[in-house]
């Protein structure tokens, strides 16, 4: 017997015949299906918007009328403010964002300055501050075993400052900064 006969290289027809038999074997199909499901099971595309706070209602903001809307109406529409700024005090308010971790101390004059352009502020005027935030997250995991993919997050914060005449109980002015 020759060396070539002992170490015979399989012909392509023999290889394909063996594979066809393997694909008919129920055990092979079951193992192949389970491995395929495990490998592809981690492939997903996720896009979600996580509301961290309840958004500031747009119709309530549009309904604010300078010199007409009362402090009581504001409290009924928006609830208690996150912070109140009074002249000559240091104001503490929660940092915006989904976790609301920590607190920020700033002089109240910083917020009163928002309304000082073109007018003189009175001692009876205070600022009510409201904020809301939401987190928009997007992620794609391509190959679960290797960990390929990406993830991105965007924090959207809405802020509302209301200048209120505390004695008269009326909204004198407001500033809204938000998205959409």
Protein backbone atom coordinates (compact mmCIF):
# COMPACT_ATOMS: atom_id res chain seq x y z
CA UNK A 1 0.00 0.00 0.00
CA UNK A 2 1.37 3.36 -0.95
CA UNK A 3 1.81 6.32 1.27
CA UNK A 4 -0.85 8.23 -0.71
CA UNK A 5 -3.40 5.47 -0.11
CA UNK A 6 -2.88 5.54 3.66
CA UNK A 7 -3.25 9.31 3.92
CA UNK A 8 -6.00 9.81 1.46
CA UNK A 9 -7.20 13.40 1.07
CA UNK A 10 -11.01 13.47 1.02
CA UNK A 11 -12.59 14.58 -2.18
CA UNK A 12 -15.03 17.52 -2.13
CA UNK A 13 -17.94 15.19 -2.89
CA UNK A 14 -17.15 13.12 0.24
CA UNK A 15 -17.07 16.26 2.42
CA UNK A 16 -20.43 17.57 1.19
CA UNK A 17 -22.01 14.13 1.58
CA UNK A 18 -20.87 14.08 5.22
CA UNK A 19 -22.24 17.59 5.87
CA UNK A 20 -25.59 16.66 4.36
CA UNK A 21 -25.80 13.74 6.78
CA UNK A 22 -24.91 16.06 9.70
CA UNK A 23 -27.67 18.54 8.85
CA UNK A 24 -30.21 15.71 8.94
CA UNK A 25 -29.09 14.57 12.39
CA UNK A 26 -31.61 15.94 14.98
CA UNK A 27 -28.94 16.27 17.68
CA UNK A 28 -26.74 18.35 15.37
CA UNK A 29 -29.69 20.59 14.47
CA UNK A 30 -30.63 21.06 18.14
CA UNK A 31 -27.06 21.99 19.14
CA UNK A 32 -26.76 24.31 16.13
CA UNK A 33 -30.08 26.01 16.98
CA UNK A 34 -29.16 26.52 20.64
CA UNK A 35 -25.73 27.94 19.81
CA UNK A 36 -27.24 30.21 17.16
CA UNK A 37 -29.90 31.46 19.57
CA UNK A 38 -27.31 32.16 22.27
CA UNK A 39 -25.03 33.99 19.87
CA UNK A 40 -27.77 36.05 18.22
CA UNK A 41 -29.75 36.51 21.43
CA UNK A 42 -27.57 39.42 22.47
CA UNK A 43 -27.94 41.29 19.21
CA UNK A 44 -30.42 44.08 19.75
CA UNK A 45 -31.06 47.70 19.07
CA UNK A 46 -32.50 49.66 21.94
CA UNK A 47 -33.75 53.21 21.74
CA UNK A 48 -35.67 54.49 24.65
CA UNK A 49 -36.54 57.73 26.32
CA UNK A 50 -36.47 57.54 30.07
CA UNK A 51 -38.52 60.21 31.78
CA UNK A 52 -36.68 61.23 34.91
CA UNK A 53 -39.22 63.87 35.91
CA UNK A 54 -42.63 64.78 34.67
CA UNK A 55 -42.12 67.32 31.88
CA UNK A 56 -43.15 70.90 32.45
CA UNK A 57 -46.56 71.09 30.73
CA UNK A 58 -46.28 73.27 27.64
CA UNK A 59 -49.90 74.37 27.80
CA UNK A 60 -49.38 75.60 31.38
CA UNK A 61 -46.29 77.57 30.36
CA UNK A 62 -48.12 79.12 27.39
CA UNK A 63 -50.99 80.02 29.73
CA UNK A 64 -48.81 82.27 31.90
CA UNK A 65 -49.81 85.92 31.47
CA UNK A 66 -47.47 88.60 32.81
CA UNK A 67 -49.24 90.78 35.39
CA UNK A 68 -52.36 88.57 35.36
CA UNK A 69 -51.48 84.99 36.36
CA UNK A 70 -51.53 84.63 40.14
CA UNK A 71 -49.10 82.87 42.42
CA UNK A 72 -51.93 80.53 43.45
CA UNK A 73 -52.56 79.54 39.80
CA UNK A 74 -48.85 78.75 39.38
CA UNK A 75 -48.86 76.56 42.48
CA UNK A 76 -51.97 74.72 41.24
CA UNK A 77 -50.49 74.16 37.75
CA UNK A 78 -46.90 73.25 38.63
CA UNK A 79 -46.98 72.36 42.33
CA UNK A 80 -44.40 73.65 44.80
CA UNK A 81 -41.26 75.13 43.21
CA UNK A 82 -37.92 73.32 43.39
CA UNK A 83 -36.47 76.54 44.86
CA UNK A 84 -37.44 80.08 45.80
CA UNK A 85 -35.00 82.98 45.45
CA UNK A 86 -35.37 86.03 47.73
CA UNK A 87 -33.14 89.09 47.62
CA UNK A 88 -30.15 88.89 49.98
CA UNK A 89 -30.28 85.13 50.58
CA UNK A 90 -28.35 82.11 49.40
CA UNK A 91 -30.58 79.68 47.64
CA UNK A 92 -30.21 75.90 47.73
CA UNK A 93 -31.82 73.81 45.01
CA UNK A 94 -31.42 70.24 43.74
CA UNK A 95 -29.12 69.81 40.75
CA UNK A 96 -31.10 69.05 37.57
CA UNK A 97 -30.99 65.59 36.09
CA UNK A 98 -32.40 62.15 36.54
CA UNK A 99 -30.64 61.38 39.80
CA UNK A 100 -31.19 64.77 41.46
CA UNK A 101 -28.08 64.02 43.49
CA UNK A 102 -26.59 66.80 45.47
CA UNK A 103 -27.64 70.36 45.96
CA UNK A 104 -26.34 73.61 44.56
CA UNK A 105 -25.96 76.79 46.62
CA UNK A 106 -26.02 80.09 44.75
CA UNK A 107 -26.79 83.69 45.71
CA UNK A 108 -30.43 84.49 44.94
CA UNK A 109 -29.32 87.63 43.08
CA UNK A 110 -28.05 85.37 40.28
CA UNK A 111 -31.63 84.41 39.44
CA UNK A 112 -33.04 87.84 40.11
CA UNK A 113 -30.61 89.18 37.47
CA UNK A 114 -32.54 87.24 34.82
CA UNK A 115 -35.28 89.86 35.20
CA UNK A 116 -33.23 93.02 35.86
CA UNK A 117 -32.68 94.06 32.22
CA UNK A 118 -34.58 97.28 31.54
CA UNK A 119 -36.28 97.45 34.93
CA UNK A 120 -35.65 97.96 38.62
CA UNK A 121 -36.52 95.02 40.82
CA UNK A 122 -38.60 95.62 43.94
CA UNK A 123 -37.89 94.06 47.35
CA UNK A 124 -41.25 92.25 47.22
CA UNK A 125 -40.31 90.28 44.09
CA UNK A 126 -39.13 86.68 44.40
CA UNK A 127 -38.25 83.97 41.87
CA UNK A 128 -39.92 80.57 41.73
CA UNK A 129 -37.77 77.93 40.01
CA UNK A 130 -39.02 74.72 38.38
CA UNK A 131 -37.11 72.10 36.41
CA UNK A 132 -37.73 68.80 34.71
CA UNK A 133 -35.36 66.41 32.98
CA UNK A 134 -35.42 63.36 30.79
CA UNK A 135 -32.76 60.99 29.60
CA UNK A 136 -32.67 59.78 26.01
CA UNK A 137 -30.53 56.64 25.68
CA UNK A 138 -29.57 54.69 22.55
CA UNK A 139 -27.54 51.50 22.45
CA UNK A 140 -26.59 48.76 20.04
CA UNK A 141 -24.92 45.50 21.01
CA UNK A 142 -23.65 43.73 17.92
CA UNK A 143 -21.79 40.65 19.19
CA UNK A 144 -22.69 39.68 22.76
CA UNK A 145 -19.70 37.43 23.41
CA UNK A 146 -17.17 40.00 22.24
CA UNK A 147 -19.02 43.04 23.51
CA UNK A 148 -18.98 45.09 20.32
CA UNK A 149 -21.42 47.98 20.07
CA UNK A 150 -22.00 51.48 21.35
CA UNK A 151 -24.17 53.42 23.76
CA UNK A 152 -25.05 57.10 23.91
CA UNK A 153 -27.05 59.19 26.35
CA UNK A 154 -28.42 62.71 26.18
CA UNK A 155 -29.86 64.62 29.12
CA UNK A 156 -32.55 67.16 28.28
CA UNK A 157 -33.37 69.67 31.03
CA UNK A 158 -36.25 72.14 31.02
CA UNK A 159 -36.10 75.15 33.35
CA UNK A 160 -38.71 77.72 34.31
CA UNK A 161 -38.05 80.87 36.35
CA UNK A 162 -41.04 82.98 37.44
CA UNK A 163 -40.69 86.49 38.85
CA UNK A 164 -43.51 86.83 41.36
CA UNK A 165 -44.55 89.95 43.26
CA UNK A 166 -44.99 88.32 46.66
CA UNK A 167 -47.12 91.16 48.05
CA UNK A 168 -49.55 91.36 45.10
CA UNK A 169 -49.39 87.58 44.43
CA UNK A 170 -49.00 88.08 40.65
CA UNK A 171 -46.46 86.77 38.11
CA UNK A 172 -44.55 89.79 36.79
CA UNK A 173 -42.35 87.96 34.24
CA UNK A 174 -40.99 84.51 33.40
CA UNK A 175 -38.15 82.80 31.53
CA UNK A 176 -38.45 79.29 30.09
CA UNK A 177 -35.51 77.34 28.68
CA UNK A 178 -36.21 73.88 27.39
CA UNK A 179 -36.28 71.53 24.48
CA UNK A 180 -38.80 70.77 21.77
